[in-house]
Amino acid sequence: MFRPLFAPIMVIGLFAGTALADSSQRNMFASVYLKGDKIGQVHLTTVRNEKGEVEKLKANASVSFLGMEVYGFTQNLKESWSSGELQEMDGKTDDNGTAHEIALTRNTEDYKATYNGKELTLPLNAFPTSPWHYAITENTLLFNIVDFELLNVKIAKDAETVDVGGKSVEAEKFTFTGDWQAKLWFDKNRDFVKGEYDVSGRQVTVILD
């Protein structure tokens, strides 16, 4: 079963012609670790409106697993949102040579989507496994951003202090169980600071730089 990197998961371009007068663009980077060793990086760009809601998101990730041979995983994802609702998404994932291409558009009754050229529909109450959104913690039906697989989860919440860039950050920790095994941490502003989840069969840790 393929799991998301991030957008789990590359260099991204700027949002040409999409930044509005009341919007702000922010670039962030996160490092990807496997058993304490850095194996990759994520470049995240968001455009937010005056309410702080994400309007546009681009996440690009690149990971290399070292072993008997180098195992590569790259992912490029673009999302468009309005009033907290996903409007469009498209992405490409290369899992060591295996390609996964997705596209999605919101309609009044469902999401019209394609996975590797095959048409399908997804329910509007399904939320993408894109860990950058705090709203993921409020949804028990998710869909995989690699292959659109629907995932039923349970979510437990705890308070926890995490180390981010040598600083202690008071955070909310969310543990996902069920079809998606993951842990996500968000700070007091509800911004992502840390995540632990499966990428190509390996449990990785992603920490905001």
N, C-alpha and C. Protein backbone atom coordinates (compact mmCIF):
# COMPACT_ATOMS: atom_id res chain seq x y z
N MET A 1 0.85 -1.19 0.00
CA MET A 1 0.00 0.00 0.00
C MET A 1 0.89 1.24 0.00
N PHE A 2 0.71 2.12 -0.95
CA PHE A 2 1.52 3.31 -1.02
C PHE A 2 1.00 4.36 -0.06
N ARG A 3 1.91 5.05 0.57
CA ARG A 3 1.51 6.08 1.51
C ARG A 3 2.07 7.43 1.05
N PRO A 4 1.36 8.53 1.42
CA PRO A 4 1.81 9.84 0.99
C PRO A 4 3.05 10.28 1.73
N LEU A 5 3.85 11.09 1.09
CA LEU A 5 4.95 11.71 1.80
C LEU A 5 4.48 13.05 2.31
N PHE A 6 3.94 13.84 1.48
CA PHE A 6 3.41 15.11 1.92
C PHE A 6 2.45 15.60 0.92
N ALA A 7 2.96 15.64 1.01
CA ALA A 7 3.07 16.31 -0.09
C ALA A 7 4.30 16.19 -0.34
N PRO A 8 4.30 13.09 3.14
CA PRO A 8 5.25 12.62 3.11
C PRO A 8 5.24 13.25 2.08
N ILE A 9 4.06 14.02 -0.36
CA ILE A 9 5.85 14.75 -0.20
C ILE A 9 5.58 14.92 -0.96
N MET A 10 12.24 18.70 -3.96
CA MET A 10 11.88 19.04 -5.28
C MET A 10 11.72 20.57 -5.27
N VAL A 11 11.98 21.16 -6.17
CA VAL A 11 11.93 22.62 -6.18
C VAL A 11 10.60 23.08 -6.74
N ILE A 12 9.99 24.10 -6.18
CA ILE A 12 8.69 24.53 -6.66
C ILE A 12 8.74 25.92 -7.27
N GLY A 13 7.89 26.15 -8.24
CA GLY A 13 7.77 27.48 -8.81
C GLY A 13 6.85 28.34 -7.98
N LEU A 14 6.85 29.66 -8.26
CA LEU A 14 5.98 30.58 -7.55
C LEU A 14 4.59 30.53 -8.16
N PHE A 15 3.62 31.12 -7.46
CA PHE A 15 2.24 31.12 -7.94
C PHE A 15 2.04 32.31 -8.88
N ALA A 16 2.24 32.11 -10.13
CA ALA A 16 2.10 33.19 -11.10
C ALA A 16 0.63 33.57 -11.24
N GLY A 17 0.33 34.82 -10.94
CA GLY A 17 -1.02 35.33 -11.15
C GLY A 17 -2.05 34.86 -10.16
N THR A 18 -1.68 34.22 -9.06
CA THR A 18 -2.69 33.73 -8.12
C THR A 18 -2.69 34.47 -6.80
N ALA A 19 -1.62 35.19 -6.48
CA ALA A 19 -1.54 35.89 -5.21
C ALA A 19 -2.46 37.12 -5.25
N LEU A 20 -3.43 37.19 -4.33
CA LEU A 20 -4.38 38.29 -4.29
C LEU A 20 -3.88 39.37 -3.34
N ALA A 21 -4.56 40.51 -3.36
CA ALA A 21 -4.14 41.63 -2.53
C ALA A 21 -4.20 41.27 -1.05
N ASP A 22 -5.17 40.43 -0.66
CA ASP A 22 -5.32 40.07 0.74
C ASP A 22 -4.70 38.70 1.02
N SER A 23 -3.82 38.23 0.13
CA SER A 23 -3.19 36.93 0.31
C SER A 23 -1.72 37.10 0.65
N SER A 24 -1.16 36.10 1.28
CA SER A 24 0.27 36.12 1.57
C SER A 24 0.87 34.79 1.19
N GLN A 25 2.05 34.86 0.60
CA GLN A 25 2.75 33.65 0.19
C GLN A 25 3.85 33.33 1.19
N ARG A 26 3.98 32.05 1.49
CA ARG A 26 4.97 31.62 2.46
C ARG A 26 5.68 30.38 1.94
N ASN A 27 7.01 30.40 2.03
CA ASN A 27 7.82 29.25 1.67
C ASN A 27 8.38 28.61 2.92
N MET A 28 8.27 27.29 3.02
CA MET A 28 8.79 26.56 4.17
C MET A 28 9.54 25.33 3.69
N PHE A 29 10.43 24.85 4.54
CA PHE A 29 11.16 23.62 4.25
C PHE A 29 11.06 22.69 5.45
N ALA A 30 11.04 21.41 5.16
CA ALA A 30 11.04 20.39 6.21
C ALA A 30 12.02 19.30 5.82
N SER A 31 12.65 18.72 6.82
CA SER A 31 13.62 17.65 6.59
C SER A 31 12.97 16.30 6.89
N VAL A 32 13.37 15.30 6.11
CA VAL A 32 12.83 13.95 6.26
C VAL A 32 13.92 13.05 6.84
N TYR A 33 13.58 12.30 7.90
CA TYR A 33 14.56 11.46 8.59
C TYR A 33 14.10 10.01 8.63
N LEU A 34 15.05 9.10 8.55
CA LEU A 34 14.80 7.68 8.74
C LEU A 34 15.80 7.18 9.77
N LYS A 35 15.30 6.77 10.94
CA LYS A 35 16.15 6.29 12.03
C LYS A 35 17.25 7.29 12.37
N GLY A 36 16.90 8.56 12.38
CA GLY A 36 17.83 9.61 12.77
C GLY A 36 18.68 10.17 11.65
N ASP A 37 18.70 9.54 10.49
CA ASP A 37 19.49 10.01 9.36
C ASP A 37 18.61 10.81 8.40
N LYS A 38 19.11 11.98 7.97
CA LYS A 38 18.36 12.79 7.02
C LYS A 38 18.42 12.14 5.65
N ILE A 39 17.25 11.91 5.04
CA ILE A 39 17.20 11.23 3.75
C ILE A 39 16.48 12.05 2.68
N GLY A 40 16.00 13.24 3.03
CA GLY A 40 15.31 14.03 2.03
C GLY A 40 14.81 15.34 2.58
N GLN A 41 14.11 16.08 1.72
CA GLN A 41 13.60 17.39 2.09
C GLN A 41 12.28 17.67 1.38
N VAL A 42 11.47 18.51 2.01
CA VAL A 42 10.21 18.96 1.43
C VAL A 42 10.28 20.48 1.27
N HIS A 43 9.80 20.98 0.14
CA HIS A 43 9.65 22.42 -0.08
C HIS A 43 8.17 22.69 -0.22
N LEU A 44 7.65 23.50 0.67
CA LEU A 44 6.22 23.79 0.72
C LEU A 44 5.99 25.27 0.48
N THR A 45 5.07 25.59 -0.42
CA THR A 45 4.67 26.97 -0.67
C THR A 45 3.17 27.09 -0.50
N THR A 46 2.74 28.06 0.29
CA THR A 46 1.31 28.28 0.48
C THR A 46 0.96 29.73 0.20
N VAL A 47 -0.25 29.94 -0.26
CA VAL A 47 -0.85 31.26 -0.38
C VAL A 47 -2.09 31.26 0.51
N ARG A 48 -2.15 32.20 1.44
CA ARG A 48 -3.26 32.27 2.38
C ARG A 48 -4.02 33.58 2.21
N ASN A 49 -5.32 33.58 2.52
CA ASN A 49 -6.11 34.80 2.46
C ASN A 49 -6.01 35.56 3.78
N GLU A 50 -6.79 36.62 3.91
CA GLU A 50 -6.70 37.46 5.10
C GLU A 50 -7.14 36.75 6.36
N LYS A 51 -7.89 35.64 6.23
CA LYS A 51 -8.32 34.85 7.38
C LYS A 51 -7.29 33.79 7.77
N GLY A 52 -6.22 33.71 7.00
CA GLY A 52 -5.20 32.71 7.27
C GLY A 52 -5.51 31.36 6.66
N GLU A 53 -6.57 31.28 5.84
CA GLU A 53 -6.95 30.02 5.20
C GLU A 53 -6.09 29.77 3.97
N VAL A 54 -5.70 28.53 3.77
CA VAL A 54 -4.91 28.16 2.59
C VAL A 54 -5.77 28.26 1.35
N GLU A 55 -5.28 29.01 0.35
CA GLU A 55 -5.95 29.09 -0.94
C GLU A 55 -5.22 28.26 -1.99
N LYS A 56 -3.90 28.29 -1.93
CA LYS A 56 -3.08 27.52 -2.85
C LYS A 56 -1.96 26.84 -2.08
N LEU A 57 -1.64 25.63 -2.47
CA LEU A 57 -0.56 24.90 -1.82
C LEU A 57 0.20 24.10 -2.86
N LYS A 58 1.53 24.17 -2.78
CA LYS A 58 2.39 23.30 -3.59
C LYS A 58 3.39 22.64 -2.66
N ALA A 59 3.49 21.34 -2.75
CA ALA A 59 4.44 20.59 -1.92
C ALA A 59 5.26 19.69 -2.82
N ASN A 60 6.57 19.79 -2.69
CA ASN A 60 7.47 18.98 -3.48
C ASN A 60 8.45 18.28 -2.56
N ALA A 61 8.57 16.98 -2.72
CA ALA A 61 9.42 16.22 -1.82
C ALA A 61 10.32 15.28 -2.60
N SER A 62 11.49 15.02 -2.04
CA SER A 62 12.43 14.08 -2.64
C SER A 62 13.12 13.32 -1.53
N VAL A 63 13.11 11.99 -1.65
CA VAL A 63 13.68 11.13 -0.62
C VAL A 63 14.50 10.04 -1.28
N SER A 64 15.63 9.69 -0.67
CA SER A 64 16.45 8.57 -1.14
C SER A 64 16.73 7.66 0.04
N PHE A 65 16.35 6.39 -0.10
CA PHE A 65 16.63 5.39 0.92
C PHE A 65 17.91 4.65 0.54
N LEU A 66 18.90 4.64 1.41
CA LEU A 66 20.16 3.97 1.13
C LEU A 66 20.15 2.56 1.71
N GLY A 67 20.65 1.62 0.97
CA GLY A 67 20.73 0.23 1.42
C GLY A 67 21.56 -0.54 0.42
N MET A 68 21.08 -1.71 0.03
CA MET A 68 21.78 -2.46 -1.00
C MET A 68 21.81 -1.68 -2.31
N GLU A 69 20.77 -0.89 -2.51
CA GLU A 69 20.72 0.02 -3.65
C GLU A 69 19.92 1.25 -3.24
N VAL A 70 20.08 2.33 -3.98
CA VAL A 70 19.36 3.56 -3.66
C VAL A 70 17.91 3.42 -4.10
N TYR A 71 16.99 3.73 -3.20
CA TYR A 71 15.56 3.66 -3.48
C TYR A 71 15.04 5.09 -3.46
N GLY A 72 14.50 5.54 -4.58
CA GLY A 72 14.07 6.93 -4.67
C GLY A 72 12.57 7.09 -4.61
N PHE A 73 12.12 8.19 -4.02
CA PHE A 73 10.71 8.53 -3.93
C PHE A 73 10.58 10.03 -4.10
N THR A 74 9.82 10.47 -5.09
CA THR A 74 9.58 11.90 -5.27
C THR A 74 8.08 12.13 -5.43
N GLN A 75 7.64 13.29 -5.00
CA GLN A 75 6.22 13.61 -5.09
C GLN A 75 6.05 15.10 -5.31
N ASN A 76 5.17 15.46 -6.24
CA ASN A 76 4.82 16.84 -6.53
C ASN A 76 3.31 16.98 -6.42
N LEU A 77 2.84 17.90 -5.61
CA LEU A 77 1.41 18.03 -5.36
C LEU A 77 1.00 19.49 -5.39
N LYS A 78 -0.15 19.78 -6.05
CA LYS A 78 -0.73 21.11 -6.07
C LYS A 78 -2.18 21.03 -5.60
N GLU A 79 -2.57 21.95 -4.73
CA GLU A 79 -3.92 21.98 -4.19
C GLU A 79 -4.50 23.39 -4.30
N SER A 80 -5.81 23.49 -4.57
CA SER A 80 -6.54 24.76 -4.55
C SER A 80 -7.70 24.62 -3.58
N TRP A 81 -7.86 25.62 -2.68
CA TRP A 81 -8.88 25.58 -1.65
C TRP A 81 -9.70 26.87 -1.66
N SER A 82 -10.93 26.79 -1.16
CA SER A 82 -11.77 27.96 -0.99
C SER A 82 -12.64 27.77 0.24
N SER A 83 -12.55 28.71 1.18
CA SER A 83 -13.32 28.64 2.43
C SER A 83 -13.14 27.30 3.14
N GLY A 84 -11.90 26.79 3.12
CA GLY A 84 -11.59 25.55 3.81
C GLY A 84 -12.00 24.30 3.08
N GLU A 85 -12.47 24.43 1.83
CA GLU A 85 -12.90 23.27 1.05
C GLU A 85 -11.98 23.07 -0.15
N LEU A 86 -11.55 21.84 -0.34
CA LEU A 86 -10.68 21.51 -1.46
C LEU A 86 -11.45 21.66 -2.77
N GLN A 87 -10.85 22.39 -3.72
CA GLN A 87 -11.48 22.62 -5.02
C GLN A 87 -10.84 21.80 -6.13
N GLU A 88 -9.52 21.78 -6.15
CA GLU A 88 -8.79 21.05 -7.19
C GLU A 88 -7.50 20.50 -6.61
N MET A 89 -7.04 19.39 -7.19
CA MET A 89 -5.77 18.80 -6.78
C MET A 89 -5.19 18.06 -7.97
N ASP A 90 -3.89 18.17 -8.15
CA ASP A 90 -3.22 17.28 -9.10
C ASP A 90 -1.82 17.00 -8.59
N GLY A 91 -1.36 15.81 -8.88
CA GLY A 91 -0.06 15.41 -8.35
C GLY A 91 0.55 14.27 -9.12
N LYS A 92 1.86 14.14 -8.97
CA LYS A 92 2.61 13.04 -9.56
C LYS A 92 3.56 12.48 -8.52
N THR A 93 3.60 11.17 -8.42
CA THR A 93 4.50 10.49 -7.50
C THR A 93 5.30 9.47 -8.29
N ASP A 94 6.60 9.45 -8.04
CA ASP A 94 7.48 8.42 -8.62
C ASP A 94 8.02 7.60 -7.46
N ASP A 95 7.50 6.39 -7.33
CA ASP A 95 7.93 5.50 -6.26
C ASP A 95 8.93 4.50 -6.82
N ASN A 96 10.18 4.94 -6.87
CA ASN A 96 11.27 4.12 -7.39
C ASN A 96 10.98 3.59 -8.81
N GLY A 97 10.48 4.49 -9.64
CA GLY A 97 10.21 4.13 -11.03
C GLY A 97 8.75 3.81 -11.33
N THR A 98 7.94 3.60 -10.30
CA THR A 98 6.51 3.36 -10.50
C THR A 98 5.77 4.69 -10.42
N ALA A 99 5.06 5.03 -11.50
CA ALA A 99 4.42 6.34 -11.59
C ALA A 99 2.99 6.29 -11.08
N HIS A 100 2.60 7.35 -10.35
CA HIS A 100 1.24 7.53 -9.87
C HIS A 100 0.85 8.97 -10.20
N GLU A 101 -0.18 9.13 -11.02
CA GLU A 101 -0.62 10.48 -11.40
C GLU A 101 -2.08 10.66 -11.03
N ILE A 102 -2.38 11.74 -10.31
CA ILE A 102 -3.75 11.99 -9.85
C ILE A 102 -4.23 13.37 -10.28
N ALA A 103 -5.56 13.50 -10.42
CA ALA A 103 -6.19 14.79 -10.68
C ALA A 103 -7.59 14.73 -10.08
N LEU A 104 -8.04 15.87 -9.55
CA LEU A 104 -9.32 15.91 -8.83
C LEU A 104 -9.95 17.28 -8.99
N THR A 105 -11.28 17.31 -9.17
CA THR A 105 -12.05 18.55 -9.23
C THR A 105 -13.32 18.38 -8.40
N ARG A 106 -13.64 19.40 -7.63
CA ARG A 106 -14.82 19.36 -6.76
C ARG A 106 -16.07 19.70 -7.56
N ASN A 107 -17.12 18.89 -7.39
CA ASN A 107 -18.44 19.17 -7.94
C ASN A 107 -19.42 19.38 -6.79
N THR A 108 -20.68 19.57 -7.09
CA THR A 108 -21.66 19.82 -6.04
C THR A 108 -21.92 18.58 -5.19
N GLU A 109 -21.77 17.37 -5.79
CA GLU A 109 -22.11 16.15 -5.08
C GLU A 109 -20.92 15.28 -4.72
N ASP A 110 -19.79 15.44 -5.42
CA ASP A 110 -18.63 14.59 -5.15
C ASP A 110 -17.39 15.19 -5.80
N TYR A 111 -16.28 14.47 -5.67
CA TYR A 111 -15.07 14.83 -6.39
C TYR A 111 -14.97 13.97 -7.64
N LYS A 112 -14.78 14.58 -8.79
CA LYS A 112 -14.47 13.85 -10.00
C LYS A 112 -12.95 13.73 -10.07
N ALA A 113 -12.47 12.50 -10.23
CA ALA A 113 -11.03 12.28 -10.12
C ALA A 113 -10.55 11.30 -11.17
N THR A 114 -9.24 11.32 -11.39
CA THR A 114 -8.60 10.31 -12.22
C THR A 114 -7.32 9.85 -11.53
N TYR A 115 -7.06 8.56 -11.64
CA TYR A 115 -5.82 7.99 -11.13
C TYR A 115 -5.18 7.19 -12.26
N ASN A 116 -4.02 7.65 -12.70
CA ASN A 116 -3.33 7.03 -13.85
C ASN A 116 -4.29 6.86 -15.03
N GLY A 117 -5.10 7.89 -15.28
CA GLY A 117 -6.00 7.90 -16.42
C GLY A 117 -7.34 7.24 -16.19
N LYS A 118 -7.52 6.55 -15.08
CA LYS A 118 -8.79 5.87 -14.77
C LYS A 118 -9.71 6.81 -14.00
N GLU A 119 -10.94 6.97 -14.48
CA GLU A 119 -11.89 7.86 -13.84
C GLU A 119 -12.52 7.22 -12.60
N LEU A 120 -12.74 8.05 -11.58
CA LEU A 120 -13.41 7.59 -10.37
C LEU A 120 -14.01 8.78 -9.64
N THR A 121 -14.81 8.51 -8.62
CA THR A 121 -15.40 9.57 -7.80
C THR A 121 -15.01 9.34 -6.35
N LEU A 122 -14.93 10.44 -5.61
CA LEU A 122 -14.63 10.39 -4.18
C LEU A 122 -15.68 11.22 -3.44
N PRO A 123 -16.07 10.80 -2.24
CA PRO A 123 -17.07 11.57 -1.48
C PRO A 123 -16.49 12.89 -0.98
N LEU A 124 -17.34 13.89 -0.90
CA LEU A 124 -16.89 15.21 -0.48
C LEU A 124 -16.45 15.26 0.98
N ASN A 125 -16.88 14.29 1.78
CA ASN A 125 -16.48 14.28 3.19
C ASN A 125 -15.14 13.59 3.41
N ALA A 126 -14.47 13.16 2.33
CA ALA A 126 -13.13 12.59 2.45
C ALA A 126 -12.09 13.71 2.37
N PHE A 127 -11.09 13.64 3.25
CA PHE A 127 -10.06 14.69 3.33
C PHE A 127 -8.73 14.10 2.86
N PRO A 128 -7.94 14.86 2.12
CA PRO A 128 -6.66 14.32 1.63
C PRO A 128 -5.65 14.08 2.74
N THR A 129 -4.79 13.08 2.56
CA THR A 129 -3.73 12.81 3.53
C THR A 129 -2.57 13.77 3.29
N SER A 130 -2.88 15.03 3.27
CA SER A 130 -1.91 16.11 3.13
C SER A 130 -1.70 16.69 4.52
N PRO A 131 -0.60 16.35 5.18
CA PRO A 131 -0.45 16.63 6.61
C PRO A 131 -0.27 18.10 6.97
N TRP A 132 -0.19 18.97 5.96
CA TRP A 132 0.03 20.38 6.24
C TRP A 132 -1.22 21.09 6.74
N HIS A 133 -2.37 20.45 6.65
CA HIS A 133 -3.64 21.06 7.02
C HIS A 133 -4.09 20.59 8.40
N TYR A 134 -4.33 21.53 9.29
CA TYR A 134 -4.82 21.16 10.62
C TYR A 134 -6.17 20.45 10.53
N ALA A 135 -6.95 20.78 9.51
CA ALA A 135 -8.29 20.18 9.38
C ALA A 135 -8.24 18.68 9.17
N ILE A 136 -7.10 18.13 8.82
CA ILE A 136 -7.00 16.68 8.69
C ILE A 136 -7.31 16.00 10.02
N THR A 137 -7.07 16.72 11.12
CA THR A 137 -7.29 16.15 12.45
C THR A 137 -8.76 16.07 12.82
N GLU A 138 -9.62 16.63 11.98
CA GLU A 138 -11.06 16.67 12.25
C GLU A 138 -11.84 15.76 11.32
N ASN A 139 -11.13 14.90 10.59
CA ASN A 139 -11.78 14.04 9.59
C ASN A 139 -11.37 12.59 9.77
N THR A 140 -12.36 11.72 9.86
CA THR A 140 -12.08 10.30 10.06
C THR A 140 -12.18 9.49 8.76
N LEU A 141 -12.52 10.16 7.66
CA LEU A 141 -12.46 9.54 6.34
C LEU A 141 -11.46 10.33 5.51
N LEU A 142 -10.39 9.68 5.10
CA LEU A 142 -9.34 10.33 4.33
C LEU A 142 -9.21 9.66 2.97
N PHE A 143 -8.49 10.32 2.06
CA PHE A 143 -8.10 9.65 0.82
C PHE A 143 -6.61 9.86 0.57
N ASN A 144 -5.98 8.81 0.09
CA ASN A 144 -4.54 8.80 -0.13
C ASN A 144 -4.18 9.71 -1.29
N ILE A 145 -3.23 10.61 -1.11
CA ILE A 145 -2.85 11.54 -2.16
C ILE A 145 -1.87 10.94 -3.16
N VAL A 146 -1.58 9.65 -3.03
CA VAL A 146 -0.79 8.94 -4.04
C VAL A 146 -1.70 8.24 -5.03
N ASP A 147 -2.74 7.53 -4.52
CA ASP A 147 -3.56 6.70 -5.41
C ASP A 147 -5.06 6.82 -5.16
N PHE A 148 -5.49 7.79 -4.32
CA PHE A 148 -6.90 8.06 -4.05
C PHE A 148 -7.62 6.94 -3.29
N GLU A 149 -6.89 6.04 -2.66
CA GLU A 149 -7.51 5.01 -1.83
C GLU A 149 -8.22 5.67 -0.64
N LEU A 150 -9.46 5.24 -0.35
CA LEU A 150 -10.19 5.75 0.80
C LEU A 150 -9.70 5.07 2.07
N LEU A 151 -9.56 5.86 3.15
CA LEU A 151 -8.97 5.37 4.39
C LEU A 151 -9.86 5.78 5.58
N ASN A 152 -10.28 4.81 6.36
CA ASN A 152 -11.03 5.10 7.58
C ASN A 152 -10.07 5.10 8.77
N VAL A 153 -10.14 6.15 9.58
CA VAL A 153 -9.20 6.29 10.69
C VAL A 153 -9.92 6.69 11.97
N LYS A 154 -9.23 6.45 13.08
CA LYS A 154 -9.60 7.00 14.37
C LYS A 154 -8.48 7.94 14.80
N ILE A 155 -8.82 8.98 15.55
CA ILE A 155 -7.84 10.01 15.89
C ILE A 155 -7.86 10.26 17.39
N ALA A 156 -6.68 10.22 18.01
CA ALA A 156 -6.53 10.53 19.44
C ALA A 156 -5.67 11.79 19.56
N LYS A 157 -6.00 12.64 20.52
CA LYS A 157 -5.32 13.92 20.69
C LYS A 157 -4.65 14.00 22.05
N ASP A 158 -3.40 14.52 22.07
CA ASP A 158 -2.66 14.74 23.31
C ASP A 158 -1.86 16.03 23.20
N ALA A 159 -1.48 16.57 24.34
CA ALA A 159 -0.57 17.71 24.37
C ALA A 159 0.85 17.19 24.53
N GLU A 160 1.79 17.78 23.80
CA GLU A 160 3.17 17.30 23.87
C GLU A 160 4.13 18.40 23.45
N THR A 161 5.28 18.45 24.06
CA THR A 161 6.33 19.39 23.67
C THR A 161 7.29 18.69 22.72
N VAL A 162 7.56 19.32 21.57
CA VAL A 162 8.46 18.73 20.58
C VAL A 162 9.62 19.67 20.32
N ASP A 163 10.74 19.09 19.91
CA ASP A 163 11.94 19.87 19.57
C ASP A 163 11.93 20.18 18.08
N VAL A 164 11.94 21.45 17.75
CA VAL A 164 11.95 21.88 16.35
C VAL A 164 13.06 22.91 16.18
N GLY A 165 14.10 22.52 15.47
CA GLY A 165 15.22 23.43 15.25
C GLY A 165 15.91 23.84 16.52
N GLY A 166 15.97 22.94 17.51
CA GLY A 166 16.62 23.24 18.77
C GLY A 166 15.76 24.01 19.74
N LYS A 167 14.50 24.25 19.39
CA LYS A 167 13.59 24.97 20.26
C LYS A 167 12.45 24.04 20.70
N SER A 168 12.03 24.20 21.95
CA SER A 168 10.91 23.42 22.45
C SER A 168 9.60 24.11 22.05
N VAL A 169 8.72 23.36 21.41
CA VAL A 169 7.46 23.91 20.92
C VAL A 169 6.29 23.16 21.57
N GLU A 170 5.39 23.91 22.21
CA GLU A 170 4.18 23.31 22.76
C GLU A 170 3.25 22.96 21.60
N ALA A 171 2.85 21.71 21.53
CA ALA A 171 2.10 21.27 20.36
C ALA A 171 0.95 20.35 20.74
N GLU A 172 0.04 20.19 19.79
CA GLU A 172 -1.01 19.19 19.88
C GLU A 172 -0.56 17.99 19.05
N LYS A 173 -0.60 16.82 19.64
CA LYS A 173 -0.20 15.59 18.95
C LYS A 173 -1.45 14.80 18.60
N PHE A 174 -1.56 14.40 17.32
CA PHE A 174 -2.70 13.62 16.86
C PHE A 174 -2.20 12.28 16.35
N THR A 175 -2.75 11.21 16.90
CA THR A 175 -2.36 9.85 16.51
C THR A 175 -3.49 9.24 15.68
N PHE A 176 -3.16 8.87 14.45
CA PHE A 176 -4.13 8.28 13.53
C PHE A 176 -3.94 6.76 13.53
N THR A 177 -5.03 6.03 13.70
CA THR A 177 -4.99 4.58 13.64
C THR A 177 -6.08 4.11 12.68
N GLY A 178 -5.98 2.87 12.26
CA GLY A 178 -6.93 2.34 11.29
C GLY A 178 -6.23 2.13 9.96
N ASP A 179 -6.82 2.62 8.89
CA ASP A 179 -6.25 2.43 7.56
C ASP A 179 -5.03 3.31 7.30
N TRP A 180 -4.83 4.34 8.11
CA TRP A 180 -3.65 5.22 7.98
C TRP A 180 -3.00 5.33 9.35
N GLN A 181 -1.76 4.85 9.46
CA GLN A 181 -1.02 4.90 10.71
C GLN A 181 -0.09 6.11 10.67
N ALA A 182 -0.37 7.10 11.51
CA ALA A 182 0.43 8.33 11.46
C ALA A 182 0.33 9.09 12.77
N LYS A 183 1.31 9.98 12.97
CA LYS A 183 1.29 10.92 14.08
C LYS A 183 1.63 12.30 13.52
N LEU A 184 0.84 13.29 13.89
CA LEU A 184 1.07 14.65 13.41
C LEU A 184 1.05 15.61 14.59
N TRP A 185 1.95 16.59 14.56
CA TRP A 185 2.03 17.62 15.59
C TRP A 185 1.79 18.99 14.97
N PHE A 186 0.95 19.80 15.64
CA PHE A 186 0.67 21.16 15.20
C PHE A 186 0.90 22.11 16.37
N ASP A 187 1.42 23.31 16.08
CA ASP A 187 1.70 24.27 17.15
C ASP A 187 0.43 25.04 17.53
N LYS A 188 0.60 26.05 18.40
CA LYS A 188 -0.56 26.78 18.91
C LYS A 188 -1.29 27.56 17.82
N ASN A 189 -0.57 27.82 16.70
CA ASN A 189 -1.20 28.50 15.56
C ASN A 189 -1.82 27.52 14.58
N ARG A 190 -1.81 26.23 14.97
CA ARG A 190 -2.34 25.15 14.14
C ARG A 190 -1.52 24.94 12.87
N ASP A 191 -0.24 25.25 12.95
CA ASP A 191 0.67 25.00 11.84
C ASP A 191 1.42 23.69 12.07
N PHE A 192 1.64 22.94 11.00
CA PHE A 192 2.38 21.68 11.08
C PHE A 192 3.80 21.93 11.57
N VAL A 193 4.27 21.10 12.50
CA VAL A 193 5.66 21.18 12.95
C VAL A 193 6.38 19.84 12.83
N LYS A 194 5.62 18.73 12.87
CA LYS A 194 6.27 17.43 12.83
C LYS A 194 5.26 16.35 12.42
N GLY A 195 5.78 15.31 11.75
CA GLY A 195 4.93 14.20 11.38
C GLY A 195 5.71 12.90 11.35
N GLU A 196 5.03 11.81 11.60
CA GLU A 196 5.61 10.47 11.48
C GLU A 196 4.62 9.59 10.73
N TYR A 197 5.04 9.05 9.59
CA TYR A 197 4.14 8.19 8.82
C TYR A 197 4.94 7.37 7.83
N ASP A 198 4.23 6.46 7.17
CA ASP A 198 4.86 5.50 6.27
C ASP A 198 5.09 6.09 4.88
N VAL A 199 6.29 5.87 4.37
CA VAL A 199 6.61 6.21 2.98
C VAL A 199 7.26 5.00 2.35
N SER A 200 6.56 4.39 1.40
CA SER A 200 7.09 3.21 0.70
C SER A 200 7.54 2.11 1.67
N GLY A 201 6.71 1.87 2.70
CA GLY A 201 7.01 0.79 3.64
C GLY A 201 7.99 1.13 4.73
N ARG A 202 8.39 2.39 4.81
CA ARG A 202 9.34 2.81 5.84
C ARG A 202 8.74 3.94 6.66
N GLN A 203 8.89 3.86 7.97
CA GLN A 203 8.36 4.90 8.85
C GLN A 203 9.35 6.04 8.92
N VAL A 204 8.97 7.19 8.40
CA VAL A 204 9.86 8.35 8.38
C VAL A 204 9.35 9.42 9.34
N THR A 205 10.23 10.33 9.70
CA THR A 205 9.89 11.49 10.52
C THR A 205 10.16 12.75 9.71
N VAL A 206 9.19 13.65 9.69
CA VAL A 206 9.30 14.91 8.95
C VAL A 206 9.22 16.04 9.95
N ILE A 207 10.23 16.91 9.96
CA ILE A 207 10.28 18.00 10.93
C ILE A 207 10.49 19.31 10.20
N LEU A 208 9.69 20.30 10.53
CA LEU A 208 9.81 21.61 9.92
C LEU A 208 11.17 22.22 10.26
N ASP A 209 11.88 22.73 9.27
CA ASP A 209 13.19 23.36 9.49
C ASP A 209 13.04 24.70 10.20
